[in-house]
């Protein structure tokens, strides 16, 4: 593929998605595709099959693609799979678990929450007691990697409990699928949701759901939305061999297919996981040397994104720190935790340990930077390395 006219990125995204993509993934979007064409439908079918093979070696699962961001995919699941007499238990320890509960509430679905706070995993003993006591709970949902903090929740242990009590299990694997090895069948998950612009390293535009086929087949007629009807979307893709019900994000699909090829070329999910862990280690070692502390203890951290406590030094201001890093070629995330003053740095996307080393160097130069430092009239200059991403 000719990448000659594909622009380079002015900075790296150290975020949990959208994230930095390869030039070849972006180049895949430079051709137009017809949504009704059989060639495009075959591409979609191949993509769906590939997603299922990444999710589990076991039979009985299928993949559904849904236009929109990951939240659209999650809402399609919540709004479709829970029956009128059903009830959702949402395990919450961050903004994205809370979003699941908010979706259910907006759809007038009975929902209760187990909120363990932002720095603790779900309480498994409490989960057991609740499922034993409340027989009206039909579905349980949890976020695998809660990117509010970088918490990696124990989805395997939760799945065993949910299965033991015969409830339907929904896993938000938005920021982990494709980057952390997992078997959806071994997790006991009936529905697992992720997004094109996360660990597969595609671009934003659609979400996807890995569903236990038998459970999905039971959901006909339940959906509370036309456009987000997961069952109808699946039936259309099955019956019409890859056709979407409404206009599909064709360019994003092609970029995703290219990203899947590149995942294979890297060595699959295990190799990508190893790279993300190496990125994570390099980041933690460097930030520790600079005096930064992590919000979460080691046993709760994911290799996806890390929350750091902001320095207490009065010379530090996050907005200036952020802008200086951006001038150096790195974009990080502000904090989302309500109980602490934090910022977040992601390790996923087209990033290597060398990129993390360059980032740490830039952090050391930018943490107390202010606007005067960049004013040549006052003897200042941009942080070094200026536009560091160019030198990758």
Foldseek 3Di string as FASTA:
>chain_A
DDLPPQDDDLFFEQEQPLGAADSVLVVLLPDDDDLQDPVLLQLLLVVFVLLLVQQAPDPQKTKFKAWDFLLLLLLLCLQFQAFPQAEEEQEDQADVSVVSVVSCVVLVHHYDYQYPYNFDAGDVVVVLVVLVVDVRHAEYEYEQQRQLAQFGHPLQSVLVSCVVSPHAYEYEDAAPRFQPRHHCVSSNHQKYKYALSGQLNFHHTMIMIIHRNVSLVVRPPRGPDDSSNRNVQVVCCVVVSRRGPDDGPSSRSSSSSVSNVVCVVCPTNVSSNVQLVLLQVLLVVLVVVVPWDWPYDPVGHDSFKTKIAQDPPPLFDVVQLQVLLVQQRYHWAARRHPPGGITMGGRHHPDGNVNSVSSSVSSSQRRRDDPLQPDVVNVHNRTPPGSNVVVD
